[in-house]
Amino acid sequence: MPRLDTTRELMRTVLKDDAFVMHIESYTITENVQAGTPCRIALTLRPERAQAMTIEGEGVGFIDALCAGLLAHYAREFESLKTVQFTGFAVRAKMDTTRGATGSDAVGIVSLTVRNSEGTLFEFERQGRSLVATAVAVVVEAFEHFINSEKAFITVYRALRDAKERGRPDLITTYTTQLAQLVTTTSYTQVIERIREEMSIR
């Protein structure tokens, strides 16, 4: 699996203040188990330097509902989100961290494995004492990663095109190297596929 910390550092370097960051403020989940109605989630997010907003979704559980809501809201602008696929979801407890007599307050570790359109696997992991809050956070983190990956790829491509027009071989080398790294973490969109073909990057 690619090292996420290395890729994130590159994305921060490329995007700077334009990096997409979502802060989770609150959420509500409703599900009538007896009636068998879909689970519904209302997630309030505060993007960096923006007003808070509430994203709603429904599905067969709160993870499915969360993904449906995030996709409906963000995939119109960031098409790569439509092509990523969850391939693994695991929860384990650190029982040595419990504070109460029952052990029910132990820190939980939630791991999420996601595959992009190229078949590359990415693992996201969060831990916390609230299992649901931690699961929500790790899903939001995965969406945030692929949004920034798409934004960074397109940003570097535009910078590379500008460097070529200005005849800057030093920048061309830098941007070409960055594109080659970002292409391994970016999922498919028509825009990115066209750029890949133009630059012969695979």
N, C-alpha and C. Protein backbone atom coordinates (compact mmCIF):
# COMPACT_ATOMS: atom_id res chain seq x y z
N MET A 1 0.84 -1.20 0.00
CA MET A 1 0.00 0.00 0.00
C MET A 1 0.88 1.25 0.00
N PRO A 2 0.46 2.30 -0.70
CA PRO A 2 1.22 3.54 -0.71
C PRO A 2 1.30 4.14 0.69
N ARG A 3 2.39 4.86 0.97
CA ARG A 3 2.52 5.53 2.26
C ARG A 3 1.70 6.82 2.22
N LEU A 4 0.65 6.86 3.00
CA LEU A 4 -0.25 8.00 2.97
C LEU A 4 0.42 9.27 3.47
N ASP A 5 1.31 9.15 4.46
CA ASP A 5 1.95 10.35 5.00
C ASP A 5 2.80 11.06 3.96
N THR A 6 3.50 10.27 3.10
CA THR A 6 4.31 10.86 2.04
C THR A 6 3.43 11.57 1.02
N THR A 7 2.36 10.93 0.61
CA THR A 7 1.45 11.52 -0.36
C THR A 7 0.77 12.76 0.20
N ARG A 8 0.38 12.71 1.45
CA ARG A 8 -0.28 13.87 2.06
C ARG A 8 0.66 15.06 2.13
N GLU A 9 1.94 14.81 2.42
CA GLU A 9 2.90 15.90 2.46
C GLU A 9 3.02 16.55 1.09
N LEU A 10 3.04 15.76 0.04
CA LEU A 10 3.10 16.30 -1.31
C LEU A 10 1.83 17.10 -1.62
N MET A 11 0.67 16.58 -1.25
CA MET A 11 -0.57 17.29 -1.51
C MET A 11 -0.62 18.61 -0.76
N ARG A 12 -0.12 18.63 0.48
CA ARG A 12 -0.07 19.89 1.24
C ARG A 12 0.85 20.88 0.56
N THR A 13 1.98 20.39 0.04
CA THR A 13 2.93 21.27 -0.65
C THR A 13 2.31 21.87 -1.90
N VAL A 14 1.57 21.05 -2.63
CA VAL A 14 0.97 21.49 -3.88
C VAL A 14 -0.21 22.42 -3.64
N LEU A 15 -1.11 22.02 -2.74
CA LEU A 15 -2.37 22.75 -2.57
C LEU A 15 -2.26 23.93 -1.61
N LYS A 16 -1.34 23.87 -0.66
CA LYS A 16 -1.17 24.93 0.34
C LYS A 16 -2.52 25.25 1.00
N ASP A 17 -2.95 26.51 0.94
CA ASP A 17 -4.20 26.89 1.60
C ASP A 17 -5.43 26.37 0.88
N ASP A 18 -5.24 25.82 -0.30
CA ASP A 18 -6.38 25.30 -1.06
C ASP A 18 -6.69 23.84 -0.72
N ALA A 19 -5.92 23.28 0.21
CA ALA A 19 -6.17 21.89 0.61
C ALA A 19 -7.56 21.77 1.22
N PHE A 20 -8.22 20.66 0.93
CA PHE A 20 -9.59 20.43 1.38
C PHE A 20 -9.54 19.74 2.74
N VAL A 21 -10.08 20.41 3.75
CA VAL A 21 -10.09 19.87 5.12
C VAL A 21 -11.50 19.94 5.66
N MET A 22 -11.99 18.83 6.18
CA MET A 22 -13.33 18.77 6.74
C MET A 22 -13.27 18.48 8.24
N HIS A 23 -13.81 19.38 9.05
CA HIS A 23 -13.88 19.18 10.49
C HIS A 23 -15.28 18.69 10.86
N ILE A 24 -15.34 17.58 11.56
CA ILE A 24 -16.63 17.03 11.97
C ILE A 24 -17.11 17.75 13.22
N GLU A 25 -18.30 18.32 13.16
CA GLU A 25 -18.86 19.00 14.32
C GLU A 25 -19.82 18.09 15.08
N SER A 26 -20.76 17.48 14.37
CA SER A 26 -21.75 16.64 15.04
C SER A 26 -22.43 15.74 14.01
N TYR A 27 -23.17 14.78 14.51
CA TYR A 27 -23.95 13.92 13.64
C TYR A 27 -25.12 13.35 14.43
N THR A 28 -26.17 13.00 13.70
CA THR A 28 -27.29 12.29 14.29
C THR A 28 -27.60 11.09 13.40
N ILE A 29 -27.92 9.97 14.02
CA ILE A 29 -28.22 8.74 13.29
C ILE A 29 -29.57 8.22 13.76
N THR A 30 -30.43 7.89 12.82
CA THR A 30 -31.73 7.30 13.16
C THR A 30 -31.93 6.04 12.33
N GLU A 31 -32.43 5.00 12.98
CA GLU A 31 -32.69 3.74 12.28
C GLU A 31 -33.76 2.97 13.04
N ASN A 32 -34.85 2.68 12.39
CA ASN A 32 -35.92 1.90 12.98
C ASN A 32 -35.69 0.44 12.60
N VAL A 33 -35.10 -0.30 13.51
CA VAL A 33 -34.74 -1.69 13.23
C VAL A 33 -35.98 -2.55 13.01
N GLN A 34 -37.00 -2.33 13.81
CA GLN A 34 -38.21 -3.14 13.69
C GLN A 34 -38.92 -2.92 12.37
N ALA A 35 -38.96 -1.67 11.93
CA ALA A 35 -39.65 -1.35 10.68
C ALA A 35 -38.80 -1.68 9.46
N GLY A 36 -37.50 -1.84 9.67
CA GLY A 36 -36.61 -2.15 8.56
C GLY A 36 -36.40 -0.99 7.60
N THR A 37 -36.60 0.23 8.09
CA THR A 37 -36.39 1.40 7.24
C THR A 37 -34.90 1.71 7.14
N PRO A 38 -34.50 2.41 6.09
CA PRO A 38 -33.07 2.72 5.93
C PRO A 38 -32.52 3.54 7.10
N CYS A 39 -31.26 3.34 7.37
CA CYS A 39 -30.58 4.17 8.36
C CYS A 39 -30.35 5.55 7.75
N ARG A 40 -30.55 6.58 8.55
CA ARG A 40 -30.36 7.95 8.08
C ARG A 40 -29.33 8.66 8.96
N ILE A 41 -28.47 9.41 8.32
CA ILE A 41 -27.46 10.17 9.06
C ILE A 41 -27.48 11.61 8.59
N ALA A 42 -27.34 12.51 9.53
CA ALA A 42 -27.18 13.94 9.24
C ALA A 42 -25.85 14.35 9.85
N LEU A 43 -24.89 14.66 9.02
CA LEU A 43 -23.53 14.97 9.46
C LEU A 43 -23.25 16.45 9.24
N THR A 44 -22.88 17.13 10.30
CA THR A 44 -22.53 18.55 10.20
C THR A 44 -21.02 18.69 10.12
N LEU A 45 -20.56 19.25 9.01
CA LEU A 45 -19.14 19.44 8.74
C LEU A 45 -18.83 20.92 8.65
N ARG A 46 -17.62 21.27 9.02
CA ARG A 46 -17.15 22.63 8.82
C ARG A 46 -15.87 22.57 7.99
N PRO A 47 -15.99 22.78 6.68
CA PRO A 47 -14.79 22.82 5.85
C PRO A 47 -13.88 23.96 6.29
N GLU A 48 -12.60 23.83 6.03
CA GLU A 48 -11.63 24.86 6.39
C GLU A 48 -12.04 26.20 5.76
N ARG A 49 -12.08 27.24 6.60
CA ARG A 49 -12.38 28.59 6.14
C ARG A 49 -13.74 28.69 5.44
N ALA A 50 -14.71 27.95 5.95
CA ALA A 50 -16.05 27.98 5.36
C ALA A 50 -17.09 27.75 6.45
N GLN A 51 -18.33 28.06 6.14
CA GLN A 51 -19.40 27.87 7.10
C GLN A 51 -19.75 26.39 7.23
N ALA A 52 -20.26 26.05 8.40
CA ALA A 52 -20.68 24.66 8.63
C ALA A 52 -21.86 24.32 7.73
N MET A 53 -21.92 23.05 7.35
CA MET A 53 -23.03 22.59 6.52
C MET A 53 -23.41 21.18 6.97
N THR A 54 -24.64 20.80 6.68
CA THR A 54 -25.13 19.48 7.07
C THR A 54 -25.35 18.63 5.83
N ILE A 55 -24.75 17.45 5.84
CA ILE A 55 -24.88 16.50 4.74
C ILE A 55 -25.73 15.33 5.22
N GLU A 56 -26.73 14.97 4.44
CA GLU A 56 -27.63 13.89 4.83
C GLU A 56 -27.53 12.72 3.85
N GLY A 57 -27.67 11.52 4.40
CA GLY A 57 -27.66 10.34 3.55
C GLY A 57 -28.39 9.21 4.21
N GLU A 58 -28.76 8.20 3.43
CA GLU A 58 -29.41 7.02 4.00
C GLU A 58 -28.87 5.77 3.32
N GLY A 59 -28.91 4.66 4.06
CA GLY A 59 -28.39 3.40 3.54
C GLY A 59 -28.73 2.26 4.45
N VAL A 60 -28.06 1.13 4.27
CA VAL A 60 -28.38 -0.07 5.04
C VAL A 60 -27.71 -0.08 6.42
N GLY A 61 -26.96 0.92 6.72
CA GLY A 61 -26.32 1.10 8.01
C GLY A 61 -25.72 2.49 8.02
N PHE A 62 -25.13 2.93 9.15
CA PHE A 62 -24.68 4.31 9.20
C PHE A 62 -23.47 4.56 8.31
N ILE A 63 -22.63 3.54 8.06
CA ILE A 63 -21.50 3.72 7.16
C ILE A 63 -21.99 3.90 5.72
N ASP A 64 -22.92 3.05 5.31
CA ASP A 64 -23.49 3.15 3.97
C ASP A 64 -24.22 4.48 3.80
N ALA A 65 -24.96 4.89 4.83
CA ALA A 65 -25.68 6.16 4.78
C ALA A 65 -24.71 7.33 4.69
N LEU A 66 -23.62 7.26 5.45
CA LEU A 66 -22.61 8.31 5.43
C LEU A 66 -21.97 8.44 4.05
N CYS A 67 -21.60 7.30 3.47
CA CYS A 67 -20.98 7.31 2.14
C CYS A 67 -21.94 7.86 1.09
N ALA A 68 -23.21 7.47 1.18
CA ALA A 68 -24.20 7.95 0.22
C ALA A 68 -24.34 9.46 0.30
N GLY A 69 -24.35 9.98 1.52
CA GLY A 69 -24.47 11.42 1.70
C GLY A 69 -23.26 12.17 1.18
N LEU A 70 -22.06 11.68 1.50
CA LEU A 70 -20.83 12.34 1.04
C LEU A 70 -20.71 12.28 -0.48
N LEU A 71 -21.06 11.13 -1.06
CA LEU A 71 -21.00 11.00 -2.51
C LEU A 71 -21.97 11.96 -3.20
N ALA A 72 -23.19 12.01 -2.69
CA ALA A 72 -24.19 12.88 -3.30
C ALA A 72 -23.75 14.34 -3.26
N HIS A 73 -23.03 14.71 -2.21
CA HIS A 73 -22.64 16.10 -2.05
C HIS A 73 -21.37 16.46 -2.83
N TYR A 74 -20.37 15.55 -2.80
CA TYR A 74 -19.06 15.92 -3.34
C TYR A 74 -18.71 15.31 -4.70
N ALA A 75 -19.34 14.21 -5.08
CA ALA A 75 -18.92 13.53 -6.32
C ALA A 75 -19.29 14.31 -7.57
N ARG A 76 -20.20 15.25 -7.46
CA ARG A 76 -20.51 16.07 -8.63
C ARG A 76 -19.32 16.93 -9.03
N GLU A 77 -18.57 17.39 -8.05
CA GLU A 77 -17.39 18.21 -8.33
C GLU A 77 -16.12 17.37 -8.45
N PHE A 78 -16.01 16.32 -7.62
CA PHE A 78 -14.82 15.48 -7.61
C PHE A 78 -15.22 14.07 -8.07
N GLU A 79 -15.15 13.85 -9.37
CA GLU A 79 -15.68 12.64 -9.97
C GLU A 79 -14.92 11.38 -9.56
N SER A 80 -13.67 11.53 -9.12
CA SER A 80 -12.90 10.35 -8.74
C SER A 80 -13.55 9.60 -7.58
N LEU A 81 -14.34 10.29 -6.78
CA LEU A 81 -15.00 9.64 -5.64
C LEU A 81 -15.95 8.54 -6.09
N LYS A 82 -16.48 8.67 -7.31
CA LYS A 82 -17.42 7.68 -7.81
C LYS A 82 -16.75 6.33 -8.09
N THR A 83 -15.44 6.31 -8.20
CA THR A 83 -14.75 5.09 -8.62
C THR A 83 -14.01 4.38 -7.48
N VAL A 84 -13.97 4.98 -6.28
CA VAL A 84 -13.30 4.31 -5.17
C VAL A 84 -14.26 3.30 -4.55
N GLN A 85 -13.68 2.25 -3.98
CA GLN A 85 -14.49 1.15 -3.45
C GLN A 85 -13.94 0.70 -2.10
N PHE A 86 -14.81 0.55 -1.11
CA PHE A 86 -14.40 0.01 0.18
C PHE A 86 -14.15 -1.49 0.04
N THR A 87 -13.02 -1.95 0.50
CA THR A 87 -12.70 -3.38 0.42
C THR A 87 -12.46 -4.01 1.78
N GLY A 88 -12.35 -3.21 2.82
CA GLY A 88 -12.13 -3.77 4.15
C GLY A 88 -12.52 -2.79 5.23
N PHE A 89 -13.12 -3.31 6.28
CA PHE A 89 -13.53 -2.48 7.42
C PHE A 89 -13.35 -3.32 8.67
N ALA A 90 -12.51 -2.85 9.58
CA ALA A 90 -12.22 -3.65 10.78
C ALA A 90 -12.24 -2.78 12.03
N VAL A 91 -12.71 -3.36 13.10
CA VAL A 91 -12.77 -2.68 14.39
C VAL A 91 -12.12 -3.57 15.44
N ARG A 92 -11.24 -3.01 16.22
CA ARG A 92 -10.64 -3.78 17.32
C ARG A 92 -10.48 -2.85 18.52
N ALA A 93 -10.51 -3.44 19.70
CA ALA A 93 -10.45 -2.66 20.93
C ALA A 93 -9.09 -2.80 21.60
N LYS A 94 -8.64 -1.71 22.21
CA LYS A 94 -7.43 -1.73 23.03
C LYS A 94 -7.90 -1.84 24.48
N MET A 95 -8.08 -3.06 24.93
CA MET A 95 -8.71 -3.29 26.23
C MET A 95 -7.84 -2.80 27.39
N ASP A 96 -6.58 -2.59 27.17
CA ASP A 96 -5.72 -2.09 28.24
C ASP A 96 -5.91 -0.59 28.48
N THR A 97 -6.78 0.03 27.69
CA THR A 97 -7.02 1.47 27.85
C THR A 97 -8.31 1.76 28.61
N THR A 98 -9.02 0.72 29.02
CA THR A 98 -10.31 0.92 29.68
C THR A 98 -10.16 1.66 31.01
N ARG A 99 -11.17 2.46 31.33
CA ARG A 99 -11.17 3.23 32.57
C ARG A 99 -12.24 2.74 33.53
N GLY A 100 -13.31 2.15 32.97
CA GLY A 100 -14.43 1.71 33.80
C GLY A 100 -14.37 0.22 34.11
N ALA A 101 -15.26 -0.20 34.98
CA ALA A 101 -15.27 -1.60 35.42
C ALA A 101 -15.72 -2.54 34.31
N THR A 102 -16.58 -2.08 33.41
CA THR A 102 -17.12 -2.97 32.38
C THR A 102 -16.17 -3.14 31.18
N GLY A 103 -15.27 -2.20 31.00
CA GLY A 103 -14.37 -2.27 29.84
C GLY A 103 -14.99 -1.74 28.56
N SER A 104 -16.22 -1.22 28.67
CA SER A 104 -16.92 -0.77 27.47
C SER A 104 -16.44 0.58 26.97
N ASP A 105 -15.57 1.26 27.74
CA ASP A 105 -15.07 2.57 27.32
C ASP A 105 -13.68 2.49 26.71
N ALA A 106 -13.24 1.29 26.37
CA ALA A 106 -11.89 1.12 25.83
C ALA A 106 -11.74 1.85 24.49
N VAL A 107 -10.53 2.25 24.20
CA VAL A 107 -10.23 2.88 22.91
C VAL A 107 -10.44 1.86 21.80
N GLY A 108 -11.17 2.26 20.78
CA GLY A 108 -11.39 1.40 19.63
C GLY A 108 -10.57 1.88 18.44
N ILE A 109 -10.07 0.96 17.66
CA ILE A 109 -9.31 1.28 16.45
C ILE A 109 -10.14 0.86 15.25
N VAL A 110 -10.42 1.79 14.37
CA VAL A 110 -11.20 1.52 13.17
C VAL A 110 -10.30 1.65 11.95
N SER A 111 -10.25 0.59 11.16
CA SER A 111 -9.43 0.58 9.95
C SER A 111 -10.33 0.44 8.73
N LEU A 112 -10.05 1.24 7.72
CA LEU A 112 -10.81 1.22 6.48
C LEU A 112 -9.85 1.06 5.32
N THR A 113 -10.10 0.05 4.47
CA THR A 113 -9.29 -0.16 3.28
C THR A 113 -10.10 0.21 2.05
N VAL A 114 -9.50 1.03 1.20
CA VAL A 114 -10.19 1.54 0.01
C VAL A 114 -9.35 1.23 -1.22
N ARG A 115 -10.01 0.84 -2.31
CA ARG A 115 -9.31 0.57 -3.57
C ARG A 115 -9.70 1.64 -4.58
N ASN A 116 -8.69 2.20 -5.26
CA ASN A 116 -9.00 3.19 -6.29
C ASN A 116 -9.21 2.50 -7.62
N SER A 117 -9.45 3.28 -8.66
CA SER A 117 -9.78 2.71 -9.97
C SER A 117 -8.63 1.93 -10.59
N GLU A 118 -7.40 2.17 -10.09
CA GLU A 118 -6.24 1.46 -10.61
C GLU A 118 -5.96 0.17 -9.86
N GLY A 119 -6.79 -0.13 -8.86
CA GLY A 119 -6.60 -1.34 -8.07
C GLY A 119 -5.66 -1.17 -6.90
N THR A 120 -5.18 0.06 -6.66
CA THR A 120 -4.29 0.32 -5.54
C THR A 120 -5.08 0.42 -4.25
N LEU A 121 -4.58 -0.20 -3.20
CA LEU A 121 -5.26 -0.20 -1.90
C LEU A 121 -4.67 0.86 -0.98
N PHE A 122 -5.56 1.50 -0.23
CA PHE A 122 -5.17 2.51 0.75
C PHE A 122 -5.83 2.16 2.08
N GLU A 123 -5.06 2.27 3.15
CA GLU A 123 -5.63 1.97 4.47
C GLU A 123 -5.66 3.24 5.32
N PHE A 124 -6.84 3.53 5.85
CA PHE A 124 -7.04 4.67 6.73
C PHE A 124 -7.38 4.13 8.12
N GLU A 125 -6.84 4.76 9.14
CA GLU A 125 -7.05 4.25 10.49
C GLU A 125 -7.21 5.40 11.47
N ARG A 126 -8.17 5.27 12.35
CA ARG A 126 -8.41 6.23 13.42
C ARG A 126 -8.68 5.47 14.71
N GLN A 127 -8.48 6.12 15.83
CA GLN A 127 -8.82 5.50 17.11
C GLN A 127 -9.45 6.52 18.03
N GLY A 128 -10.33 6.03 18.89
CA GLY A 128 -11.02 6.89 19.84
C GLY A 128 -11.94 6.06 20.71
N ARG A 129 -12.45 6.68 21.76
CA ARG A 129 -13.31 5.95 22.70
C ARG A 129 -14.76 5.85 22.22
N SER A 130 -15.15 6.73 21.32
CA SER A 130 -16.48 6.62 20.72
C SER A 130 -16.34 5.88 19.40
N LEU A 131 -16.89 4.68 19.34
CA LEU A 131 -16.72 3.84 18.15
C LEU A 131 -17.37 4.47 16.92
N VAL A 132 -18.57 5.00 17.08
CA VAL A 132 -19.28 5.58 15.94
C VAL A 132 -18.55 6.83 15.46
N ALA A 133 -18.15 7.70 16.39
CA ALA A 133 -17.44 8.93 16.00
C ALA A 133 -16.15 8.60 15.28
N THR A 134 -15.45 7.56 15.72
CA THR A 134 -14.20 7.16 15.09
C THR A 134 -14.45 6.60 13.70
N ALA A 135 -15.51 5.81 13.55
CA ALA A 135 -15.84 5.26 12.24
C ALA A 135 -16.23 6.38 11.27
N VAL A 136 -17.00 7.35 11.74
CA VAL A 136 -17.37 8.49 10.89
C VAL A 136 -16.11 9.24 10.47
N ALA A 137 -15.19 9.44 11.41
CA ALA A 137 -13.97 10.19 11.13
C ALA A 137 -13.10 9.51 10.08
N VAL A 138 -13.01 8.19 10.13
CA VAL A 138 -12.13 7.49 9.20
C VAL A 138 -12.73 7.51 7.79
N VAL A 139 -14.05 7.47 7.68
CA VAL A 139 -14.70 7.56 6.37
C VAL A 139 -14.51 8.97 5.79
N VAL A 140 -14.71 9.98 6.61
CA VAL A 140 -14.51 11.36 6.16
C VAL A 140 -13.06 11.57 5.73
N GLU A 141 -12.12 10.98 6.48
CA GLU A 141 -10.70 11.10 6.12
C GLU A 141 -10.43 10.51 4.74
N ALA A 142 -11.03 9.37 4.44
CA ALA A 142 -10.82 8.75 3.13
C ALA A 142 -11.36 9.65 2.01
N PHE A 143 -12.54 10.20 2.20
CA PHE A 143 -13.11 11.12 1.20
C PHE A 143 -12.21 12.34 1.03
N GLU A 144 -11.77 12.87 2.13
CA GLU A 144 -10.89 14.05 2.10
C GLU A 144 -9.62 13.75 1.31
N HIS A 145 -9.06 12.56 1.52
CA HIS A 145 -7.83 12.17 0.82
C HIS A 145 -8.01 12.16 -0.69
N PHE A 146 -9.08 11.53 -1.16
CA PHE A 146 -9.26 11.41 -2.61
C PHE A 146 -9.67 12.73 -3.25
N ILE A 147 -10.35 13.58 -2.50
CA ILE A 147 -10.65 14.92 -3.01
C ILE A 147 -9.34 15.70 -3.20
N ASN A 148 -8.48 15.68 -2.20
CA ASN A 148 -7.22 16.40 -2.31
C ASN A 148 -6.30 15.79 -3.36
N SER A 149 -6.37 14.48 -3.52
CA SER A 149 -5.55 13.82 -4.53
C SER A 149 -5.94 14.31 -5.92
N GLU A 150 -7.25 14.38 -6.18
CA GLU A 150 -7.72 14.85 -7.48
C GLU A 150 -7.36 16.32 -7.68
N LYS A 151 -7.57 17.15 -6.65
CA LYS A 151 -7.25 18.57 -6.74
C LYS A 151 -5.76 18.78 -6.99
N ALA A 152 -4.91 18.02 -6.30
CA ALA A 152 -3.46 18.18 -6.44
C ALA A 152 -2.99 17.75 -7.83
N PHE A 153 -3.55 16.65 -8.33
CA PHE A 153 -3.15 16.16 -9.65
C PHE A 153 -3.43 17.21 -10.72
N ILE A 154 -4.62 17.77 -10.70
CA ILE A 154 -5.00 18.77 -11.70
C ILE A 154 -4.18 20.05 -11.52
N THR A 155 -3.91 20.43 -10.27
CA THR A 155 -3.10 21.63 -10.00
C THR A 155 -1.69 21.48 -10.56
N VAL A 156 -1.08 20.33 -10.33
CA VAL A 156 0.29 20.10 -10.83
C VAL A 156 0.31 20.05 -12.35
N TYR A 157 -0.70 19.44 -12.93
CA TYR A 157 -0.76 19.39 -14.39
C TYR A 157 -0.83 20.79 -14.99
N ARG A 158 -1.64 21.64 -14.42
CA ARG A 158 -1.74 23.01 -14.93
C ARG A 158 -0.42 23.75 -14.76
N ALA A 159 0.25 23.52 -13.62
CA ALA A 159 1.56 24.16 -13.40
C ALA A 159 2.58 23.64 -14.40
N LEU A 160 2.53 22.35 -14.71
CA LEU A 160 3.45 21.77 -15.69
C LEU A 160 3.22 22.35 -17.08
N ARG A 161 1.97 22.49 -17.45
CA ARG A 161 1.64 23.06 -18.75
C ARG A 161 2.15 24.50 -18.85
N ASP A 162 2.01 25.26 -17.76
CA ASP A 162 2.50 26.63 -17.73
C ASP A 162 4.03 26.67 -17.83
N ALA A 163 4.70 25.74 -17.12
CA ALA A 163 6.17 25.70 -17.15
C ALA A 163 6.68 25.40 -18.56
N LYS A 164 5.96 24.54 -19.27
CA LYS A 164 6.36 24.22 -20.64
C LYS A 164 6.19 25.44 -21.55
N GLU A 165 5.11 26.17 -21.35
CA GLU A 165 4.87 27.35 -22.17
C GLU A 165 5.92 28.43 -21.91
N ARG A 166 6.44 28.48 -20.68
CA ARG A 166 7.44 29.49 -20.33
C ARG A 166 8.87 29.00 -20.52
N GLY A 167 9.01 27.73 -20.94
CA GLY A 167 10.34 27.18 -21.17
C GLY A 167 11.17 27.07 -19.91
N ARG A 168 10.60 26.44 -18.87
CA ARG A 168 11.29 26.29 -17.58
C ARG A 168 11.59 24.81 -17.34
N PRO A 169 12.71 24.30 -17.86
CA PRO A 169 13.03 22.87 -17.71
C PRO A 169 13.17 22.44 -16.26
N ASP A 170 13.61 23.34 -15.37
CA ASP A 170 13.75 22.99 -13.95
C ASP A 170 12.39 22.67 -13.33
N LEU A 171 11.39 23.51 -13.63
CA LEU A 171 10.05 23.27 -13.11
C LEU A 171 9.39 22.09 -13.78
N ILE A 172 9.68 21.91 -15.06
CA ILE A 172 9.10 20.77 -15.78
C ILE A 172 9.51 19.46 -15.12
N THR A 173 10.78 19.35 -14.73
CA THR A 173 11.26 18.14 -14.06
C THR A 173 10.55 17.94 -12.72
N THR A 174 10.41 19.02 -11.96
CA THR A 174 9.76 18.93 -10.65
C THR A 174 8.31 18.50 -10.78
N TYR A 175 7.58 19.14 -11.67
CA TYR A 175 6.16 18.85 -11.82
C TYR A 175 5.91 17.46 -12.41
N THR A 176 6.77 17.03 -13.31
CA THR A 176 6.62 15.70 -13.89
C THR A 176 6.80 14.63 -12.81
N THR A 177 7.77 14.84 -11.92
CA THR A 177 8.01 13.91 -10.82
C THR A 177 6.81 13.88 -9.88
N GLN A 178 6.25 15.05 -9.60
CA GLN A 178 5.08 15.11 -8.72
C GLN A 178 3.88 14.41 -9.34
N LEU A 179 3.67 14.60 -10.64
CA LEU A 179 2.56 13.94 -11.31
C LEU A 179 2.70 12.43 -11.25
N ALA A 180 3.92 11.94 -11.45
CA ALA A 180 4.15 10.50 -11.42
C ALA A 180 3.82 9.92 -10.06
N GLN A 181 4.05 10.69 -8.99
CA GLN A 181 3.72 10.21 -7.65
C GLN A 181 2.22 10.30 -7.38
N LEU A 182 1.61 11.38 -7.80
CA LEU A 182 0.19 11.57 -7.54
C LEU A 182 -0.69 10.62 -8.34
N VAL A 183 -0.21 10.19 -9.50
CA VAL A 183 -1.04 9.33 -10.35
C VAL A 183 -1.33 7.99 -9.69
N THR A 184 -0.47 7.58 -8.76
CA THR A 184 -0.68 6.29 -8.09
C THR A 184 -1.77 6.38 -7.02
N THR A 185 -2.11 7.59 -6.61
CA THR A 185 -3.10 7.75 -5.54
C THR A 185 -4.41 8.33 -6.03
N THR A 186 -4.45 8.79 -7.27
CA THR A 186 -5.65 9.42 -7.80
C THR A 186 -6.50 8.39 -8.51
N SER A 187 -7.79 8.42 -8.25
CA SER A 187 -8.69 7.50 -8.92
C SER A 187 -9.16 8.10 -10.23
N TYR A 188 -9.81 7.29 -11.06
CA TYR A 188 -10.15 7.68 -12.42
C TYR A 188 -11.21 8.77 -12.51
N THR A 189 -10.97 9.77 -13.36
CA THR A 189 -11.99 10.69 -13.85
C THR A 189 -11.66 10.94 -15.31
N GLN A 190 -12.60 11.42 -16.06
CA GLN A 190 -12.32 11.70 -17.47
C GLN A 190 -11.23 12.74 -17.62
N VAL A 191 -11.23 13.74 -16.74
CA VAL A 191 -10.21 14.78 -16.80
C VAL A 191 -8.83 14.20 -16.57
N ILE A 192 -8.70 13.39 -15.53
CA ILE A 192 -7.41 12.82 -15.18
C ILE A 192 -6.96 11.83 -16.24
N GLU A 193 -7.87 11.06 -16.78
CA GLU A 193 -7.50 10.10 -17.83
C GLU A 193 -6.98 10.83 -19.06
N ARG A 194 -7.59 11.94 -19.40
CA ARG A 194 -7.12 12.71 -20.54
C ARG A 194 -5.71 13.26 -20.28
N ILE A 195 -5.47 13.73 -19.07
CA ILE A 195 -4.15 14.23 -18.71
C ILE A 195 -3.13 13.11 -18.77
N ARG A 196 -3.48 11.93 -18.25
CA ARG A 196 -2.57 10.80 -18.28
C ARG A 196 -2.18 10.45 -19.72
N GLU A 197 -3.15 10.42 -20.59
CA GLU A 197 -2.85 10.08 -21.98
C GLU A 197 -1.97 11.13 -22.62
N GLU A 198 -2.25 12.38 -22.32
CA GLU A 198 -1.47 13.47 -22.89
C GLU A 198 -0.02 13.42 -22.41
N MET A 199 0.16 13.09 -21.10
CA MET A 199 1.50 13.06 -20.52
C MET A 199 2.14 11.69 -20.58
N SER A 200 1.42 10.70 -21.09
CA SER A 200 1.91 9.31 -21.15
C SER A 200 2.33 8.83 -19.78
N ILE A 201 1.50 9.12 -18.79
CA ILE A 201 1.76 8.70 -17.40
C ILE A 201 0.87 7.52 -17.06
N ARG A 202 1.47 6.43 -16.60
CA ARG A 202 0.72 5.24 -16.18
C ARG A 202 1.31 4.68 -14.89
